[in-house]
Amino acid sequence: MTKYNKTVLAALIFALASTGLAQEAATTAVTTAGAASDRGLIAIGAGLALGLGAIGTGLAQGRIGAAAAGVTGENPGRLGLMLLWFAIPETLVIFGLVGFFILSGKI
């Protein structure tokens, strides 16, 4: 990944994160439009929690899987350890799924 791509990706992530932190002006009465907006932002946050976790896990498991195949080809006795290292990034998706359900109000 080039330096330009990293900069663009960081700017995109910052722009998306900052929209979630934006606050509307204080009002005395809660309107239904405000409640709908809040639900929409919660849905976006839940989708990002699950989607970005899955993308990160996919990237990690792709590299770990390639390395595990090479190690197992050289030393078949290390297969169990390589399967353990292959399963560790999956916890990121599990945390994303828990965050998804918490934000969705299912837990």
Protein backbone atom coordinates (compact mmCIF):
# COMPACT_ATOMS: atom_id res chain seq x y z
CA MET A 1 0.00 0.00 0.00
CA THR A 2 1.49 3.31 -1.01
CA LYS A 3 1.75 6.33 1.25
CA TYR A 4 -0.95 8.08 -0.78
CA ASN A 5 -3.39 5.18 -0.36
CA LYS A 6 -2.75 5.07 3.38
CA THR A 7 -3.39 8.81 3.65
CA VAL A 8 -6.65 8.57 1.70
CA LEU A 9 -7.79 5.60 3.77
CA ALA A 10 -7.00 7.40 7.04
CA ALA A 11 -8.88 10.51 5.85
CA LEU A 12 -11.89 8.41 4.86
CA ILE A 13 -11.97 6.64 8.21
CA PHE A 14 -11.64 9.96 10.05
CA ALA A 15 -14.46 11.49 7.99
CA LEU A 16 -16.78 8.55 8.71
CA ALA A 17 -15.90 8.51 12.41
CA SER A 18 -16.40 12.25 12.79
CA THR A 19 -19.94 12.08 11.40
CA GLY A 20 -20.84 9.63 14.15
CA LEU A 21 -19.53 12.02 16.79
CA ALA A 22 -21.35 15.09 15.45
CA GLN A 23 -24.05 16.49 17.71
CA GLU A 24 -27.13 18.41 16.84
CA ALA A 25 -28.14 21.62 18.61
CA ALA A 26 -29.81 21.08 21.97
CA THR A 27 -33.59 21.13 21.83
CA THR A 28 -36.18 20.91 24.55
CA ALA A 29 -38.40 18.39 22.78
CA VAL A 30 -37.27 15.25 21.04
CA THR A 31 -38.72 15.06 17.57
CA THR A 32 -39.46 11.93 15.64
CA ALA A 33 -37.04 13.07 12.93
CA GLY A 34 -34.26 13.23 15.52
CA ALA A 35 -35.10 9.76 16.76
CA ALA A 36 -35.04 8.44 13.20
CA SER A 37 -31.67 10.10 12.65
CA ASP A 38 -30.32 8.48 15.80
CA ARG A 39 -31.55 5.08 14.66
CA GLY A 40 -29.90 5.60 11.30
CA LEU A 41 -26.56 6.48 12.87
CA ILE A 42 -26.84 3.49 15.18
CA ALA A 43 -27.47 1.26 12.16
CA ILE A 44 -24.43 2.70 10.39
CA GLY A 45 -22.30 2.12 13.49
CA ALA A 46 -23.54 -1.45 13.84
CA GLY A 47 -22.80 -2.15 10.19
CA LEU A 48 -19.32 -0.66 10.48
CA ALA A 49 -18.61 -2.68 13.63
CA LEU A 50 -19.39 -5.92 11.87
CA GLY A 51 -18.14 -5.05 8.39
CA LEU A 52 -14.77 -3.59 9.31
CA GLY A 53 -14.14 -6.43 11.74
CA ALA A 54 -14.84 -8.95 8.99
CA ILE A 55 -12.59 -7.13 6.52
CA GLY A 56 -9.73 -6.99 9.02
CA THR A 57 -10.14 -10.66 9.83
CA GLY A 58 -10.16 -11.60 6.16
CA LEU A 59 -6.95 -9.70 5.52
CA ALA A 60 -5.25 -11.21 8.56
CA GLN A 61 -6.37 -14.76 7.86
CA GLY A 62 -5.24 -14.53 4.25
CA ARG A 63 -1.68 -13.74 5.28
CA ILE A 64 -1.66 -16.13 8.23
CA GLY A 65 -3.10 -18.91 6.07
CA ALA A 66 -0.38 -18.50 3.47
CA ALA A 67 2.31 -18.61 6.16
CA ALA A 68 0.64 -21.58 7.86
CA ALA A 69 0.59 -23.51 4.59
CA GLY A 70 4.30 -22.88 4.14
CA VAL A 71 5.17 -23.91 7.70
CA THR A 72 3.01 -27.03 7.51
CA GLY A 73 4.64 -27.98 4.21
CA GLU A 74 8.09 -27.80 5.82
CA ASN A 75 7.14 -29.33 9.19
CA PRO A 76 3.80 -31.20 9.33
CA GLY A 77 4.09 -31.51 13.12
CA ARG A 78 3.33 -27.79 13.48
CA LEU A 79 -0.17 -28.11 11.95
CA GLY A 80 -1.97 -27.78 15.33
CA LEU A 81 -0.10 -24.61 16.25
CA MET A 82 -0.74 -23.11 12.82
CA LEU A 83 -4.48 -23.84 13.12
CA LEU A 84 -4.48 -22.04 16.47
CA TRP A 85 -2.79 -18.98 14.94
CA PHE A 86 -5.25 -19.13 12.04
CA ALA A 87 -8.25 -19.04 14.43
CA ILE A 88 -7.07 -16.13 16.62
CA PRO A 89 -8.12 -13.31 14.23
CA GLU A 90 -11.64 -14.74 14.18
CA THR A 91 -12.16 -13.20 17.62
CA LEU A 92 -12.23 -9.79 15.89
CA VAL A 93 -15.38 -10.80 14.02
CA ILE A 94 -16.92 -12.15 17.22
CA PHE A 95 -16.30 -8.81 18.96
CA GLY A 96 -17.79 -7.02 15.94
CA LEU A 97 -20.83 -9.28 16.06
CA VAL A 98 -21.31 -8.57 19.78
CA GLY A 99 -21.05 -4.83 19.08
CA PHE A 100 -23.55 -5.22 16.24
CA PHE A 101 -26.10 -6.87 18.52
CA ILE A 102 -25.54 -4.37 21.33
CA LEU A 103 -26.04 -1.42 18.98
CA SER A 104 -29.04 -3.06 17.34
CA GLY A 105 -30.69 -3.45 20.73
CA LYS A 106 -30.93 -7.23 20.55
CA ILE A 107 -28.96 -7.80 23.77
